[in-house]
């Protein structure tokens, strides 16, 4: 049994990762400041004897004994990370710095979740890890894009200078149960609009492409990287290379929901990339990982989950709920 600290534990990805690690027999310490994560995501885990929960903001130093640290703490939806851009870039830079110092102090391995956004609006397609990207450093998305790029730099500098054990993955679009209908991401937005019979909001022409990885596949890949040998440092792309236009995605969702919603077209947001698709050759070669859930199957499962959420759309919680915190965690 290993002790694993998961930051951003109450988020979409974080809650799934905590659940998987507990199922695999490990002790998990979930950490979140609940700025965009939902307490409800962790309720099923609270009675597990190997799970503890800590309310903390990683922009402040933290001292926890752990064998591994998985850093998932940062808003990933443009709607949320642009709402407080200064806090977003502080979370990426200061937060990662604090966790690297913790890993160095405790002799732990840090698995840092970076993002496909480090590639910006790419001139290379699909994107390989060797591609340096094309990012607007002063645009409205820069707080996230450049924050994540700086965090990667910190990881590799700590690895080179101090020998800190690090692993870096670049996560592409991910979807599945526990997505919030209010997060502004394209899958949750389209599904919610279709289920409510509202027009689907298409930005730009809809011909821009994305690739979508189902959450179970992503978590499997993340765990394979976590348990890989120490010489597997990365960065490694984690995503599904099956590419679709947003128009195709909308049509699939309309068909699966049986909705007769129409499409409405709005201007394309600033710095929205025209293409985004991972080259996963490296992780497939090193670890044998590749996604197995088809887009149709994954969407069907996601739609079923979001049906139950439509009637009580949640907003990010900002107040502490002491009722779910275990005492004597640290």
Protein backbone atom coordinates (compact mmCIF):
# COMPACT_ATOMS: atom_id res chain seq x y z
CA UNK A 1 0.00 0.00 0.00
CA UNK A 2 1.33 3.42 -1.01
CA UNK A 3 0.24 6.79 0.35
CA UNK A 4 -0.75 9.08 -2.49
CA UNK A 5 -1.57 12.78 -2.22
CA UNK A 6 -4.03 13.88 -4.92
CA UNK A 7 -4.42 17.64 -5.33
CA UNK A 8 -7.56 18.88 -7.05
CA UNK A 9 -9.25 15.80 -5.62
CA UNK A 10 -12.79 17.20 -5.78
CA UNK A 11 -12.58 17.96 -9.49
CA UNK A 12 -13.88 15.85 -12.35
CA UNK A 13 -10.61 14.04 -12.95
CA UNK A 14 -9.43 14.15 -9.35
CA UNK A 15 -12.46 12.32 -7.97
CA UNK A 16 -12.10 9.54 -10.54
CA UNK A 17 -8.39 9.19 -9.76
CA UNK A 18 -9.05 8.97 -6.00
CA UNK A 19 -11.69 6.31 -6.56
CA UNK A 20 -9.35 4.24 -8.75
CA UNK A 21 -6.41 4.44 -6.34
CA UNK A 22 -8.60 3.38 -3.41
CA UNK A 23 -9.93 0.46 -5.45
CA UNK A 24 -6.33 -0.56 -6.11
CA UNK A 25 -5.67 -0.73 -2.37
CA UNK A 26 -3.77 2.48 -1.68
CA UNK A 27 -4.12 5.15 0.99
CA UNK A 28 -5.29 8.40 -0.59
CA UNK A 29 -5.11 11.91 0.81
CA UNK A 30 -7.37 14.17 -1.23
CA UNK A 31 -6.57 17.88 -1.19
CA UNK A 32 -8.70 20.66 -2.66
CA UNK A 33 -9.53 24.31 -1.99
CA UNK A 34 -13.03 23.80 -3.48
CA UNK A 35 -12.79 26.84 -5.74
CA UNK A 36 -14.14 24.81 -8.67
CA UNK A 37 -14.27 21.27 -7.31
CA UNK A 38 -17.50 19.80 -5.94
CA UNK A 39 -17.74 18.23 -2.51
CA UNK A 40 -20.44 15.94 -3.87
CA UNK A 41 -17.86 14.25 -6.08
CA UNK A 42 -16.10 12.90 -2.98
CA UNK A 43 -19.09 11.93 -0.85
CA UNK A 44 -18.95 8.24 -1.93
CA UNK A 45 -15.32 8.07 -0.72
CA UNK A 46 -15.65 9.72 2.68
CA UNK A 47 -16.39 6.54 4.64
CA UNK A 48 -13.50 4.64 3.09
CA UNK A 49 -10.96 3.82 5.80
CA UNK A 50 -8.04 4.66 3.49
CA UNK A 51 -9.30 8.06 2.37
CA UNK A 52 -8.64 11.40 4.07
CA UNK A 53 -9.61 14.88 2.92
CA UNK A 54 -7.73 18.13 3.42
CA UNK A 55 -8.99 21.61 2.53
CA UNK A 56 -5.99 23.58 1.32
CA UNK A 57 -4.86 25.90 -1.48
CA UNK A 58 -1.61 24.69 -3.04
CA UNK A 59 -0.48 28.28 -3.66
CA UNK A 60 0.40 28.04 0.05
CA UNK A 61 3.11 25.62 1.24
CA UNK A 62 1.93 22.22 2.43
CA UNK A 63 3.66 19.47 4.42
CA UNK A 64 2.13 16.02 4.05
CA UNK A 65 3.87 12.65 4.20
CA UNK A 66 3.25 10.77 0.95
CA UNK A 67 5.02 8.36 -1.38
CA UNK A 68 3.49 9.87 -4.51
CA UNK A 69 1.87 13.21 -5.37
CA UNK A 70 -0.54 13.62 -8.27
CA UNK A 71 -1.02 17.30 -9.08
CA UNK A 72 -4.42 17.87 -10.67
CA UNK A 73 -5.10 21.21 -8.99
CA UNK A 74 -6.03 23.92 -11.47
CA UNK A 75 -9.28 24.94 -13.18
CA UNK A 76 -9.23 23.36 -16.65
CA UNK A 77 -12.33 24.90 -18.21
CA UNK A 78 -11.81 28.29 -19.94
CA UNK A 79 -14.95 29.58 -18.24
CA UNK A 80 -13.46 28.92 -14.81
CA UNK A 81 -9.77 29.61 -15.35
CA UNK A 82 -10.52 32.95 -17.04
CA UNK A 83 -12.79 33.98 -14.16
CA UNK A 84 -9.73 34.56 -11.96
CA UNK A 85 -6.70 34.52 -14.26
CA UNK A 86 -4.21 35.66 -11.63
CA UNK A 87 -5.21 32.88 -9.26
CA UNK A 88 -5.04 30.43 -12.17
CA UNK A 89 -1.44 31.22 -13.03
CA UNK A 90 -0.50 31.29 -9.33
CA UNK A 91 -1.98 27.81 -8.95
CA UNK A 92 0.08 26.49 -11.85
CA UNK A 93 3.36 28.16 -10.88
CA UNK A 94 3.37 28.61 -7.11
CA UNK A 95 1.30 25.48 -6.56
CA UNK A 96 3.62 23.30 -8.59
CA UNK A 97 6.66 24.88 -6.91
CA UNK A 98 5.23 24.06 -3.47
CA UNK A 99 4.51 20.46 -4.48
CA UNK A 100 7.96 20.01 -5.99
CA UNK A 101 9.52 21.25 -2.76
CA UNK A 102 7.31 18.80 -0.86
CA UNK A 103 8.33 15.94 -3.16
CA UNK A 104 11.99 16.84 -2.69
CA UNK A 105 11.61 17.01 1.09
CA UNK A 106 9.70 13.74 1.41
CA UNK A 107 11.48 11.77 -1.32
CA UNK A 108 8.19 11.42 -3.17
CA UNK A 109 7.45 11.18 -6.88
CA UNK A 110 5.41 14.03 -8.36
CA UNK A 111 3.13 13.23 -11.28
CA UNK A 112 2.21 16.59 -12.76
CA UNK A 113 -0.88 16.94 -14.95
CA UNK A 114 -0.06 19.38 -17.71
CA UNK A 115 -2.30 20.00 -20.69
CA UNK A 116 -2.59 19.97 -24.46
CA UNK A 117 -2.99 23.74 -24.12
CA UNK A 118 0.80 24.03 -23.94
CA UNK A 119 0.69 23.52 -27.74
CA UNK A 120 -1.54 26.60 -28.17
CA UNK A 121 -2.84 27.02 -31.73
CA UNK A 122 -0.53 24.42 -33.23
CA UNK A 123 1.22 24.57 -36.57
CA UNK A 124 2.00 20.86 -36.19
CA UNK A 125 -0.79 18.31 -36.43
CA UNK A 126 -1.22 15.94 -34.68
CA UNK A 127 0.86 17.23 -31.82
CA UNK A 128 3.96 15.32 -30.73
CA UNK A 129 5.65 15.93 -27.40
CA UNK A 130 8.67 17.41 -29.16
CA UNK A 131 6.55 20.25 -30.58
CA UNK A 132 7.19 23.50 -28.68
CA UNK A 133 3.80 25.01 -29.38
CA UNK A 134 2.37 28.33 -30.54
CA UNK A 135 0.96 30.19 -27.55
CA UNK A 136 -0.14 33.82 -27.26
CA UNK A 137 1.61 34.88 -24.01
CA UNK A 138 -0.66 37.88 -23.43
CA UNK A 139 -4.01 36.46 -24.55
CA UNK A 140 -6.99 35.65 -22.36
CA UNK A 141 -6.03 31.96 -22.27
CA UNK A 142 -2.41 32.64 -21.31
CA UNK A 143 -3.07 32.38 -17.58
CA UNK A 144 -3.69 28.68 -18.12
CA UNK A 145 -1.51 27.94 -21.17
CA UNK A 146 1.58 29.77 -19.96
CA UNK A 147 0.99 28.75 -16.36
CA UNK A 148 1.13 25.11 -17.38
CA UNK A 149 4.19 25.70 -19.55
CA UNK A 150 5.97 27.34 -16.61
CA UNK A 151 4.94 24.46 -14.34
CA UNK A 152 6.50 21.97 -16.77
CA UNK A 153 9.70 24.00 -16.74
CA UNK A 154 9.78 23.86 -12.95
CA UNK A 155 9.30 20.09 -12.97
CA UNK A 156 12.19 19.48 -15.33
CA UNK A 157 14.45 21.99 -13.57
CA UNK A 158 13.87 20.26 -10.22
CA UNK A 159 14.55 16.93 -11.90
CA UNK A 160 17.81 18.15 -13.46
CA UNK A 161 19.10 20.23 -10.54
CA UNK A 162 17.94 18.25 -7.49
CA UNK A 163 17.20 14.83 -8.95
CA UNK A 164 13.56 15.12 -7.88
CA UNK A 165 11.46 12.22 -9.16
CA UNK A 166 8.92 13.71 -11.57
CA UNK A 167 6.59 12.58 -14.33
CA UNK A 168 4.71 14.94 -16.65
CA UNK A 169 1.65 14.14 -18.73
CA UNK A 170 -0.15 16.43 -21.17
CA UNK A 171 -3.87 15.76 -20.95
CA UNK A 172 -6.11 16.33 -23.96
CA UNK A 173 -9.91 16.84 -23.90
CA UNK A 174 -11.47 14.40 -21.44
CA UNK A 175 -15.14 13.76 -20.72
CA UNK A 176 -17.42 11.44 -18.77
CA UNK A 177 -19.53 11.16 -15.60
CA UNK A 178 -18.91 13.79 -12.91
CA UNK A 179 -18.54 16.52 -15.52
CA UNK A 180 -20.35 19.65 -14.39
CA UNK A 181 -23.11 20.92 -16.65
CA UNK A 182 -21.95 24.44 -15.73
CA UNK A 183 -18.27 24.14 -16.65
CA UNK A 184 -18.62 25.50 -20.18
CA UNK A 185 -16.81 22.59 -21.88
CA UNK A 186 -18.14 21.55 -25.23
CA UNK A 187 -19.33 18.03 -24.36
CA UNK A 188 -21.20 19.00 -21.19
CA UNK A 189 -22.59 22.14 -22.84
CA UNK A 190 -23.86 20.34 -25.95
CA UNK A 191 -25.37 17.50 -23.92
CA UNK A 192 -27.12 19.85 -21.49
CA UNK A 193 -28.50 21.98 -24.32
CA UNK A 194 -29.69 18.91 -26.24
CA UNK A 195 -31.38 17.38 -23.21
CA UNK A 196 -33.18 20.65 -22.45
CA UNK A 197 -34.22 21.17 -26.07
CA UNK A 198 -32.17 24.36 -26.35
CA UNK A 199 -30.14 25.37 -29.40
CA UNK A 200 -26.59 24.02 -29.37
CA UNK A 201 -24.12 26.90 -29.22
CA UNK A 202 -21.46 26.44 -31.89
CA UNK A 203 -18.50 28.79 -31.84
CA UNK A 204 -17.00 29.68 -35.20
CA UNK A 205 -17.79 27.46 -38.17
CA UNK A 206 -17.79 24.24 -36.17
CA UNK A 207 -15.11 22.84 -38.47
CA UNK A 208 -12.42 23.12 -35.81
CA UNK A 209 -11.40 19.67 -34.60
CA UNK A 210 -10.90 18.06 -31.20
CA UNK A 211 -10.21 14.58 -29.88
CA UNK A 212 -12.11 13.35 -26.83
CA UNK A 213 -10.86 10.76 -24.35
CA UNK A 214 -13.28 8.97 -22.04
CA UNK A 215 -12.46 9.38 -18.36
CA UNK A 216 -11.85 5.67 -17.65
CA UNK A 217 -9.25 5.50 -20.42
CA UNK A 218 -7.56 8.66 -19.16
CA UNK A 219 -7.38 7.41 -15.56
CA UNK A 220 -5.92 4.10 -16.75
CA UNK A 221 -3.22 5.96 -18.66
CA UNK A 222 -2.49 8.20 -15.70
CA UNK A 223 -2.07 5.20 -13.40
CA UNK A 224 0.21 3.45 -15.86
CA UNK A 225 2.45 6.51 -15.93
CA UNK A 226 2.36 6.77 -12.13
CA UNK A 227 3.61 3.20 -11.67
CA UNK A 228 6.09 3.28 -14.54
CA UNK A 229 9.83 3.05 -13.98
CA UNK A 230 11.65 6.14 -12.74
CA UNK A 231 13.24 6.76 -16.12
CA UNK A 232 9.78 7.44 -17.61
CA UNK A 233 9.69 11.18 -17.02
CA UNK A 234 7.82 12.56 -20.02
CA UNK A 235 6.26 14.72 -21.10
CA UNK A 236 3.76 12.19 -22.43
CA UNK A 237 0.57 12.98 -24.33
CA UNK A 238 -2.55 11.45 -22.79
CA UNK A 239 -5.60 11.57 -25.02
CA UNK A 240 -7.61 9.87 -27.73
CA UNK A 241 -6.24 10.38 -31.25
CA UNK A 242 -9.69 9.90 -32.83
CA UNK A 243 -10.42 13.36 -34.21
CA UNK A 244 -13.83 14.90 -34.99
CA UNK A 245 -15.09 18.34 -35.94
CA UNK A 246 -17.33 20.07 -33.43
CA UNK A 247 -20.14 19.82 -35.98
CA UNK A 248 -19.70 16.04 -36.01
CA UNK A 249 -19.68 15.99 -32.21
CA UNK A 250 -22.92 17.98 -32.12
CA UNK A 251 -24.59 15.61 -34.57
CA UNK A 252 -23.54 12.56 -32.53
CA UNK A 253 -24.96 14.10 -29.35
CA UNK A 254 -28.22 15.06 -31.06
CA UNK A 255 -28.59 11.50 -32.36
CA UNK A 256 -27.82 9.88 -28.99
CA UNK A 257 -30.19 12.16 -27.07
CA UNK A 258 -32.94 12.11 -29.70
CA UNK A 259 -33.01 15.88 -29.45
CA UNK A 260 -34.39 18.12 -32.19
CA UNK A 261 -32.32 21.09 -31.05
CA UNK A 262 -30.94 23.35 -33.75
CA UNK A 263 -27.46 24.83 -33.99
CA UNK A 264 -26.68 28.49 -33.43
CA UNK A 265 -23.35 29.98 -34.42
CA UNK A 266 -21.46 32.52 -32.31
CA UNK A 267 -18.08 34.20 -32.95
CA UNK A 268 -15.01 32.11 -32.21
CA UNK A 269 -13.37 33.03 -28.86
CA UNK A 270 -9.92 34.61 -28.90
CA UNK A 271 -7.02 32.15 -29.37
CA UNK A 272 -9.34 29.17 -29.73
CA UNK A 273 -7.18 26.53 -31.50
CA UNK A 274 -8.44 25.30 -34.90
CA UNK A 275 -7.07 21.78 -34.36
CA UNK A 276 -6.18 19.67 -31.35
CA UNK A 277 -5.22 16.01 -31.57
CA UNK A 278 -2.53 14.02 -29.73
CA UNK A 279 0.14 11.84 -31.21
CA UNK A 280 0.26 9.05 -28.58
CA UNK A 281 3.04 7.04 -30.19
CA UNK A 282 5.41 7.67 -27.28
CA UNK A 283 3.17 6.42 -24.44
CA UNK A 284 1.92 3.55 -26.58
CA UNK A 285 5.50 2.46 -27.24
CA UNK A 286 6.72 2.93 -23.66
CA UNK A 287 3.74 1.60 -21.72
CA UNK A 288 1.39 -0.02 -24.23
CA UNK A 289 -1.43 2.39 -23.35
CA UNK A 290 -4.10 3.50 -25.79
CA UNK A 291 -7.81 4.35 -25.36
CA UNK A 292 -10.40 1.58 -25.76
CA UNK A 293 -13.76 3.35 -25.23
CA UNK A 294 -15.33 4.62 -28.45
CA UNK A 295 -16.69 8.15 -28.65
CA UNK A 296 -20.23 6.85 -29.12
CA UNK A 297 -20.07 4.58 -26.05
CA UNK A 298 -18.44 7.26 -23.93
CA UNK A 299 -20.99 9.88 -24.95
CA UNK A 300 -23.86 7.50 -24.16
CA UNK A 301 -22.52 6.96 -20.63
CA UNK A 302 -21.94 10.69 -20.16
CA UNK A 303 -25.43 11.58 -21.39
CA UNK A 304 -26.96 9.10 -18.94
CA UNK A 305 -25.06 10.72 -16.08
CA UNK A 306 -25.87 14.30 -17.11
CA UNK A 307 -29.57 13.49 -17.39
CA UNK A 308 -29.60 13.19 -13.62
CA UNK A 309 -27.73 16.46 -13.19
CA UNK A 310 -29.81 18.72 -15.42
CA UNK A 311 -32.49 19.31 -12.80
CA UNK A 312 -30.03 20.54 -10.19
CA UNK A 313 -27.18 22.30 -11.96
CA UNK A 314 -24.43 22.98 -9.47
CA UNK A 315 -22.19 26.01 -9.30
CA UNK A 316 -18.63 25.91 -7.94
CA UNK A 317 -18.72 25.88 -4.16
CA UNK A 318 -16.76 28.45 -2.24
CA UNK A 319 -17.84 27.84 1.38
CA UNK A 320 -16.39 25.19 3.65
CA UNK A 321 -18.59 22.22 4.55
CA UNK A 322 -17.01 20.96 7.75
CA UNK A 323 -19.44 18.07 7.92
CA UNK A 324 -17.47 16.03 5.41
CA UNK A 325 -14.01 16.60 6.85
CA UNK A 326 -12.47 13.86 8.94
CA UNK A 327 -10.66 15.03 12.05
CA UNK A 328 -6.99 14.43 12.70
CA UNK A 329 -6.05 14.14 9.04
CA UNK A 330 -2.60 15.68 9.35
